[in-house]
PDB file of N, CA and C in Angstrom:
ATOM      1  N   UNK A   1       0.920  -1.312  -0.056  1.00  0.00           N
ATOM      2  CA  UNK A   1      -0.105  -0.112  -0.254  1.00  0.00           C
ATOM      3  C   UNK A   1       0.596   1.303  -0.095  1.00  0.00           C
ATOM      4  N   UNK A   2       0.532   2.411  -0.488  1.00  0.00           N
ATOM      5  CA  UNK A   2       1.077   3.487  -0.452  1.00  0.00           C
ATOM      6  C   UNK A   2       0.372   4.660  -0.860  1.00  0.00           C
ATOM      7  N   UNK A   3       1.152   5.658  -0.070  1.00  0.00           N
ATOM      8  CA  UNK A   3       0.265   7.330   0.253  1.00  0.00           C
ATOM      9  C   UNK A   3       0.355   7.749  -0.731  1.00  0.00           C
ATOM     10  N   UNK A   4      -1.122   8.400  -1.522  1.00  0.00           N
ATOM     11  CA  UNK A   4      -0.800   9.347  -2.475  1.00  0.00           C
ATOM     12  C   UNK A   4      -1.256  10.733  -1.813  1.00  0.00           C
ATOM     13  N   UNK A   5      -0.151  11.805  -2.002  1.00  0.00           N
ATOM     14  CA  UNK A   5       0.060  12.781  -1.378  1.00  0.00           C
ATOM     15  C   UNK A   5       0.010  14.229  -2.143  1.00  0.00           C
ATOM     16  N   UNK A   6      -0.209  15.349  -1.597  1.00  0.00           N
ATOM     17  CA  UNK A   6      -0.149  16.345  -2.565  1.00  0.00           C
ATOM     18  C   UNK A   6       0.323  17.427  -1.599  1.00  0.00           C
ATOM     19  N   UNK A   7       1.432  17.971  -2.465  1.00  0.00           N
ATOM     20  CA  UNK A   7       2.263  19.622  -1.757  1.00  0.00           C
ATOM     21  C   UNK A   7       1.027  20.166  -1.447  1.00  0.00           C
ATOM     22  N   UNK A   8       1.227  20.650  -0.241  1.00  0.00           N
ATOM     23  CA  UNK A   8      -0.319  21.741   0.136  1.00  0.00           C
ATOM     24  C   UNK A   8       0.857  22.782   0.910  1.00  0.00           C
ATOM     25  N   UNK A   9       1.943  23.369   0.554  1.00  0.00           N
ATOM     26  CA  UNK A   9       2.978  24.483   0.895  1.00  0.00           C
ATOM     27  C   UNK A   9       4.230  24.199   1.743  1.00  0.00           C
ATOM     28  N   UNK A  10       4.578  25.171   2.342  1.00  0.00           N
ATOM     29  CA  UNK A  10       6.623  24.974   3.079  1.00  0.00           C
ATOM     30  C   UNK A  10       5.998  25.380   4.168  1.00  0.00           C
ATOM     31  N   UNK A  11       7.262  24.675   4.994  1.00  0.00           N
ATOM     32  CA  UNK A  11       7.366  25.230   6.427  1.00  0.00           C
ATOM     33  C   UNK A  11       8.548  25.506   6.786  1.00  0.00           C
ATOM     34  N   UNK A  12       9.037  25.625   8.237  1.00  0.00           N
ATOM     35  CA  UNK A  12      10.226  25.396   8.553  1.00  0.00           C
ATOM     36  C   UNK A  12      10.322  24.521   9.474  1.00  0.00           C
ATOM     37  N   UNK A  13      11.689  23.372   9.718  1.00  0.00           N
ATOM     38  CA  UNK A  13      11.075  22.591  10.829  1.00  0.00           C
ATOM     39  C   UNK A  13      12.112  23.363  12.147  1.00  0.00           C
ATOM     40  N   UNK A  14      12.292  22.679  13.020  1.00  0.00           N
ATOM     41  CA  UNK A  14      13.316  23.217  14.611  1.00  0.00           C
ATOM     42  C   UNK A  14      14.518  23.638  14.065  1.00  0.00           C
ATOM     43  N   UNK A  15      15.245  22.943  13.199  1.00  0.00           N
ATOM     44  CA  UNK A  15      16.577  23.444  12.896  1.00  0.00           C
ATOM     45  C   UNK A  15      16.279  24.269  11.639  1.00  0.00           C
ATOM     46  N   UNK A  16      15.641  24.969  11.318  1.00  0.00           N
ATOM     47  CA  UNK A  16      15.316  26.211  10.494  1.00  0.00           C
ATOM     48  C   UNK A  16      15.533  25.499   8.933  1.00  0.00           C
ATOM     49  N   UNK A  17      15.096  24.272   8.869  1.00  0.00           N
ATOM     50  CA  UNK A  17      15.016  23.726   7.193  1.00  0.00           C
ATOM     51  C   UNK A  17      13.755  23.773   6.555  1.00  0.00           C
ATOM     52  N   UNK A  18      13.724  24.553   5.355  1.00  0.00           N
ATOM     53  CA  UNK A  18      12.217  24.642   4.689  1.00  0.00           C
ATOM     54  C   UNK A  18      11.965  22.961   4.290  1.00  0.00           C
ATOM     55  N   UNK A  19      10.743  22.673   4.816  1.00  0.00           N
ATOM     56  CA  UNK A  19      10.424  21.539   4.225  1.00  0.00           C
ATOM     57  C   UNK A  19       9.142  22.118   3.673  1.00  0.00           C
ATOM     58  N   UNK A  20       8.305  20.542   2.911  1.00  0.00           N
ATOM     59  CA  UNK A  20       7.244  20.500   2.177  1.00  0.00           C
ATOM     60  C   UNK A  20       6.100  20.290   2.974  1.00  0.00           C
ATOM     61  N   UNK A  21       5.051  20.569   3.290  1.00  0.00           N
ATOM     62  CA  UNK A  21       3.675  19.988   3.758  1.00  0.00           C
ATOM     63  C   UNK A  21       2.840  19.250   2.760  1.00  0.00           C
ATOM     64  N   UNK A  22       2.525  18.368   3.228  1.00  0.00           N
ATOM     65  CA  UNK A  22       1.621  17.607   2.351  1.00  0.00           C
ATOM     66  C   UNK A  22       0.334  17.048   2.805  1.00  0.00           C
ATOM     67  N   UNK A  23      -0.950  17.006   1.797  1.00  0.00           N
ATOM     68  CA  UNK A  23      -1.781  16.566   2.476  1.00  0.00           C
ATOM     69  C   UNK A  23      -2.122  15.123   1.830  1.00  0.00           C
ATOM     70  N   UNK A  24      -2.798  14.269   2.922  1.00  0.00           N
ATOM     71  CA  UNK A  24      -3.035  12.594   2.094  1.00  0.00           C
ATOM     72  C   UNK A  24      -4.354  12.567   1.572  1.00  0.00           C
ATOM     73  N   UNK A  25      -4.218  12.753   0.202  1.00  0.00           N
ATOM     74  CA  UNK A  25      -5.532  12.520  -0.819  1.00  0.00           C
ATOM     75  C   UNK A  25      -5.935  10.759  -0.729  1.00  0.00           C
ATOM     76  N   UNK A  26      -5.333  10.002   0.002  1.00  0.00           N
ATOM     77  CA  UNK A  26      -5.520   8.633  -0.459  1.00  0.00           C
ATOM     78  C   UNK A  26      -4.526   7.601  -0.298  1.00  0.00           C
ATOM     79  N   UNK A  27      -4.864   6.083  -0.624  1.00  0.00           N
ATOM     80  CA  UNK A  27      -3.921   5.331  -0.876  1.00  0.00           C
ATOM     81  C   UNK A  27      -3.877   4.789  -2.140  1.00  0.00           C
ATOM     82  N   UNK A  28      -2.854   3.955  -2.497  1.00  0.00           N
ATOM     83  CA  UNK A  28      -2.901   3.289  -3.479  1.00  0.00           C
ATOM     84  C   UNK A  28      -2.693   1.838  -2.986  1.00  0.00           C
ATOM     85  N   UNK A  29      -3.510   0.819  -3.337  1.00  0.00           N
ATOM     86  CA  UNK A  29      -3.616  -0.767  -2.863  1.00  0.00           C
ATOM     87  C   UNK A  29      -3.001  -1.390  -4.519  1.00  0.00           C
ATOM     88  N   UNK A  30      -2.498  -2.512  -3.709  1.00  0.00           N
ATOM     89  CA  UNK A  30      -2.065  -3.101  -4.776  1.00  0.00           C
ATOM     90  C   UNK A  30      -3.105  -4.192  -5.392  1.00  0.00           C
ATOM     91  N   UNK A  31      -3.454  -4.798  -6.513  1.00  0.00           N
ATOM     92  CA  UNK A  31      -4.310  -5.615  -6.880  1.00  0.00           C
ATOM     93  C   UNK A  31      -3.919  -6.921  -7.155  1.00  0.00           C
ATOM     94  N   UNK A  32      -4.853  -8.019  -7.345  1.00  0.00           N
ATOM     95  CA  UNK A  32      -4.124  -9.296  -7.115  1.00  0.00           C
ATOM     96  C   UNK A  32      -3.296 -10.100  -8.506  1.00  0.00           C
ATOM     97  N   UNK A  33      -3.099 -10.914  -8.869  1.00  0.00           N
ATOM     98  CA  UNK A  33      -2.460 -11.273 -10.033  1.00  0.00           C
ATOM     99  C   UNK A  33      -3.210 -10.814 -11.598  1.00  0.00           C
ATOM    100  N   UNK A  34      -4.057 -10.908 -11.208  1.00  0.00           N
ATOM    101  CA  UNK A  34      -5.225 -11.056 -12.354  1.00  0.00           C
ATOM    102  C   UNK A  34      -5.752  -9.129 -12.139  1.00  0.00           C
ATOM    103  N   UNK A  35      -5.451  -8.293 -11.425  1.00  0.00           N
ATOM    104  CA  UNK A  35      -5.929  -7.307 -11.193  1.00  0.00           C
ATOM    105  C   UNK A  35      -5.264  -6.132 -11.177  1.00  0.00           C
ATOM    106  N   UNK A  36      -5.214  -5.320 -11.296  1.00  0.00           N
ATOM    107  CA  UNK A  36      -4.369  -4.128 -11.894  1.00  0.00           C
ATOM    108  C   UNK A  36      -4.556  -3.060 -10.322  1.00  0.00           C
ATOM    109  N   UNK A  37      -3.580  -2.726  -9.671  1.00  0.00           N
ATOM    110  CA  UNK A  37      -3.565  -1.644  -8.431  1.00  0.00           C
ATOM    111  C   UNK A  37      -4.631  -0.620  -8.603  1.00  0.00           C
ATOM    112  N   UNK A  38      -5.540  -0.486  -7.359  1.00  0.00           N
ATOM    113  CA  UNK A  38      -6.530   0.850  -7.373  1.00  0.00           C
ATOM    114  C   UNK A  38      -6.091   2.384  -6.246  1.00  0.00           C
ATOM    115  N   UNK A  39      -7.220   2.958  -6.328  1.00  0.00           N
ATOM    116  CA  UNK A  39      -6.877   3.863  -5.459  1.00  0.00           C
ATOM    117  C   UNK A  39      -7.870   3.858  -4.755  1.00  0.00           C
ATOM    118  N   UNK A  40      -7.817   4.300  -3.695  1.00  0.00           N
ATOM    119  CA  UNK A  40      -9.113   4.748  -2.532  1.00  0.00           C
ATOM    120  C   UNK A  40      -8.512   6.264  -1.874  1.00  0.00           C
ATOM    121  N   UNK A  41      -9.748   7.046  -2.803  1.00  0.00           N
ATOM    122  CA  UNK A  41      -9.575   8.646  -2.294  1.00  0.00           C
ATOM    123  C   UNK A  41     -10.071   9.344  -1.601  1.00  0.00           C
ATOM    124  N   UNK A  42      -9.605  10.215  -0.689  1.00  0.00           N
ATOM    125  CA  UNK A  42     -10.897  10.644   0.891  1.00  0.00           C
ATOM    126  C   UNK A  42     -11.666  11.645  -0.270  1.00  0.00           C
ATOM    127  N   UNK A  43     -12.843  12.041  -0.333  1.00  0.00           N
ATOM    128  CA  UNK A  43     -13.702  12.583  -0.721  1.00  0.00           C
ATOM    129  C   UNK A  43     -14.152  13.714  -0.253  1.00  0.00           C
ATOM    130  N   UNK A  44     -12.588  14.495   0.938  1.00  0.00           N
ATOM    131  CA  UNK A  44     -13.445  15.485   1.623  1.00  0.00           C
ATOM    132  C   UNK A  44     -12.013  16.219   1.189  1.00  0.00           C
ATOM    133  N   UNK A  45     -11.065  15.596   0.173  1.00  0.00           N
ATOM    134  CA  UNK A  45     -10.324  16.781  -0.382  1.00  0.00           C
ATOM    135  C   UNK A  45     -10.627  17.438  -1.682  1.00  0.00           C
ATOM    136  N   UNK A  46     -10.472  18.921  -1.324  1.00  0.00           N
ATOM    137  CA  UNK A  46     -10.833  19.283  -2.453  1.00  0.00           C
ATOM    138  C   UNK A  46      -9.358  19.937  -3.671  1.00  0.00           C
ATOM    139  N   UNK A  47      -9.707  18.968  -4.351  1.00  0.00           N
ATOM    140  CA  UNK A  47      -8.494  19.575  -5.338  1.00  0.00           C
ATOM    141  C   UNK A  47      -8.236  20.694  -5.881  1.00  0.00           C
ATOM    142  N   UNK A  48      -9.136  21.231  -6.226  1.00  0.00           N
ATOM    143  CA  UNK A  48      -9.178  22.575  -6.861  1.00  0.00           C
ATOM    144  C   UNK A  48      -8.142  23.187  -5.967  1.00  0.00           C
ATOM    145  N   UNK A  49      -8.656  23.294  -4.424  1.00  0.00           N
ATOM    146  CA  UNK A  49      -7.820  24.401  -3.505  1.00  0.00           C
ATOM    147  C   UNK A  49      -6.023  24.161  -3.849  1.00  0.00           C
ATOM    148  N   UNK A  50      -5.944  23.005  -4.266  1.00  0.00           N
ATOM    149  CA  UNK A  50      -4.134  23.074  -4.585  1.00  0.00           C
ATOM    150  C   UNK A  50      -3.475  22.738  -5.698  1.00  0.00           C
ATOM    151  N   UNK A  51      -4.262  23.644  -6.768  1.00  0.00           N
ATOM    152  CA  UNK A  51      -4.228  24.017  -8.185  1.00  0.00           C
ATOM    153  C   UNK A  51      -3.041  25.055  -8.280  1.00  0.00           C
ATOM    154  N   UNK A  52      -1.774  25.065  -8.939  1.00  0.00           N
ATOM    155  CA  UNK A  52      -0.808  25.736  -8.523  1.00  0.00           C
ATOM    156  C   UNK A  52      -1.740  26.915  -9.573  1.00  0.00           C
ATOM    157  N   UNK A  53      -1.049  28.273  -9.410  1.00  0.00           N
ATOM    158  CA  UNK A  53      -1.430  29.293 -10.416  1.00  0.00           C
ATOM    159  C   UNK A  53      -0.836  29.161 -11.965  1.00  0.00           C
ATOM    160  N   UNK A  54      -1.896  29.136 -12.821  1.00  0.00           N
ATOM    161  CA  UNK A  54      -1.660  29.160 -14.282  1.00  0.00           C
ATOM    162  C   UNK A  54      -0.881  27.651 -14.469  1.00  0.00           C
ATOM    163  N   UNK A  55      -1.838  26.813 -13.951  1.00  0.00           N
ATOM    164  CA  UNK A  55      -1.619  25.410 -14.269  1.00  0.00           C
ATOM    165  C   UNK A  55      -2.786  24.613 -14.237  1.00  0.00           C
ATOM    166  N   UNK A  56      -3.541  23.683 -14.904  1.00  0.00           N
ATOM    167  CA  UNK A  56      -4.880  23.228 -15.196  1.00  0.00           C
ATOM    168  C   UNK A  56      -4.913  21.694 -14.557  1.00  0.00           C
ATOM    169  N   UNK A  57      -3.836  21.226 -13.967  1.00  0.00           N
ATOM    170  CA  UNK A  57      -3.821  19.863 -12.890  1.00  0.00           C
ATOM    171  C   UNK A  57      -3.007  20.126 -11.815  1.00  0.00           C
ATOM    172  N   UNK A  58      -3.628  18.920 -11.064  1.00  0.00           N
ATOM    173  CA  UNK A  58      -2.530  18.743  -9.932  1.00  0.00           C
ATOM    174  C   UNK A  58      -1.973  17.523  -9.734  1.00  0.00           C
ATOM    175  N   UNK A  59      -0.492  17.751  -9.032  1.00  0.00           N
ATOM    176  CA  UNK A  59       0.655  16.991  -9.254  1.00  0.00           C
ATOM    177  C   UNK A  59      -0.033  16.180  -7.650  1.00  0.00           C
ATOM    178  N   UNK A  60       0.324  14.707  -7.868  1.00  0.00           N
ATOM    179  CA  UNK A  60       0.162  13.974  -6.778  1.00  0.00           C
ATOM    180  C   UNK A  60       1.212  12.742  -6.048  1.00  0.00           C
ATOM    181  N   UNK A  61       1.487  12.895  -5.575  1.00  0.00           N
ATOM    182  CA  UNK A  61       2.914  12.085  -5.114  1.00  0.00           C
ATOM    183  C   UNK A  61       2.574  10.717  -4.924  1.00  0.00           C
ATOM    184  N   UNK A  62       3.651   9.876  -5.088  1.00  0.00           N
ATOM    185  CA  UNK A  62       3.118   8.653  -4.597  1.00  0.00           C
ATOM    186  C   UNK A  62       4.279   8.539  -3.676  1.00  0.00           C
ATOM    187  N   UNK A  63       4.289   7.887  -2.265  1.00  0.00           N
ATOM    188  CA  UNK A  63       5.026   7.927  -1.176  1.00  0.00           C
ATOM    189  C   UNK A  63       4.912   6.320  -0.925  1.00  0.00           C
ATOM    190  N   UNK A  64       5.667   5.551  -0.178  1.00  0.00           N
ATOM    191  CA  UNK A  64       5.663   4.140   0.754  1.00  0.00           C
ATOM    192  C   UNK A  64       5.218   4.549   2.016  1.00  0.00           C
ATOM    193  N   UNK A  65       4.189   4.100   2.722  1.00  0.00           N
ATOM    194  CA  UNK A  65       3.751   4.255   4.294  1.00  0.00           C
ATOM    195  C   UNK A  65       4.921   4.472   4.936  1.00  0.00           C
ATOM    196  N   UNK A  66       4.854   5.175   5.760  1.00  0.00           N
ATOM    197  CA  UNK A  66       5.736   5.478   7.221  1.00  0.00           C
ATOM    198  C   UNK A  66       5.277   4.344   8.033  1.00  0.00           C
ATOM    199  N   UNK A  67       5.910   3.641   8.832  1.00  0.00           N
ATOM    200  CA  UNK A  67       5.992   2.472   9.960  1.00  0.00           C
ATOM    201  C   UNK A  67       5.269   4.028  10.881  1.00  0.00           C
ATOM    202  N   UNK A  68       4.302   3.185  11.140  1.00  0.00           N
ATOM    203  CA  UNK A  68       3.276   3.968  12.593  1.00  0.00           C
ATOM    204  C   UNK A  68       4.823   3.350  13.843  1.00  0.00           C
ATOM    205  N   UNK A  69       4.751   4.561  14.725  1.00  0.00           N
ATOM    206  CA  UNK A  69       5.364   4.045  16.064  1.00  0.00           C
ATOM    207  C   UNK A  69       4.387   3.359  17.290  1.00  0.00           C
ATOM    208  N   UNK A  70       5.275   2.297  17.708  1.00  0.00           N
ATOM    209  CA  UNK A  70       3.826   1.740  18.549  1.00  0.00           C
ATOM    210  C   UNK A  70       4.145   2.428  19.761  1.00  0.00           C
ATOM    211  N   UNK A  71       2.963   2.677  20.590  1.00  0.00           N
ATOM    212  CA  UNK A  71       2.893   3.644  21.862  1.00  0.00           C
ATOM    213  C   UNK A  71       3.821   2.972  23.100  1.00  0.00           C
ATOM    214  N   UNK A  72       3.554   1.720  22.421  1.00  0.00           N
ATOM    215  CA  UNK A  72       4.515   0.539  23.587  1.00  0.00           C
ATOM    216  C   UNK A  72       5.763   0.855  23.848  1.00  0.00           C
ATOM    217  N   UNK A  73       6.041   0.856  22.490  1.00  0.00           N
ATOM    218  CA  UNK A  73       7.927   1.272  22.560  1.00  0.00           C
ATOM    219  C   UNK A  73       8.258   2.271  23.041  1.00  0.00           C
ATOM    220  N   UNK A  74       7.793   3.304  23.431  1.00  0.00           N
ATOM    221  CA  UNK A  74       7.790   4.409  23.911  1.00  0.00           C
ATOM    222  C   UNK A  74       8.378   4.628  25.591  1.00  0.00           C
ATOM    223  N   UNK A  75       7.878   3.320  26.531  1.00  0.00           N
ATOM    224  CA  UNK A  75       7.525   3.196  27.309  1.00  0.00           C
ATOM    225  C   UNK A  75       8.969   3.228  27.975  1.00  0.00           C
ATOM    226  N   UNK A  76       9.666   3.713  29.322  1.00  0.00           N
ATOM    227  CA  UNK A  76      10.808   3.419  30.163  1.00  0.00           C
ATOM    228  C   UNK A  76      10.944   1.879  30.025  1.00  0.00           C
ATOM    229  N   UNK A  77      12.215   1.739  30.328  1.00  0.00           N
ATOM    230  CA  UNK A  77      12.584   0.381  30.281  1.00  0.00           C
ATOM    231  C   UNK A  77      12.481   0.085  31.920  1.00  0.00           C
ATOM    232  N   UNK A  78      12.239  -1.083  32.376  1.00  0.00           N
ATOM    233  CA  UNK A  78      10.995  -1.843  33.225  1.00  0.00           C
ATOM    234  C   UNK A  78      12.186  -1.354  35.029  1.00  0.00           C
ATOM    235  N   UNK A  79      13.772  -1.308  34.539  1.00  0.00           N
ATOM    236  CA  UNK A  79      14.667  -1.103  35.951  1.00  0.00           C
ATOM    237  C   UNK A  79      14.565   0.517  35.619  1.00  0.00           C
ATOM    238  N   UNK A  80      13.680   1.164  35.242  1.00  0.00           N
ATOM    239  CA  UNK A  80      14.287   2.750  35.049  1.00  0.00           C
ATOM    240  C   UNK A  80      13.775   3.767  36.680  1.00  0.00           C
TER     241      UNK A  80
END
């Protein structure tokens, strides 16, 4: 499964580096051997809001999904 993301602006992180802010449009799922991949889109995302001036299309990036951190991994060691 992959994430479908739209660049939605820029921001600066704590180190002062400029980064791109993304909005998740949906996901791309892998089909079976007989089927093509398919997309599940969030109907609440207004694509017109992310059009660049002078452009007639919206660029969607495809990223591997990030692994979510397990909240249990953030507990201190037992001998803490």
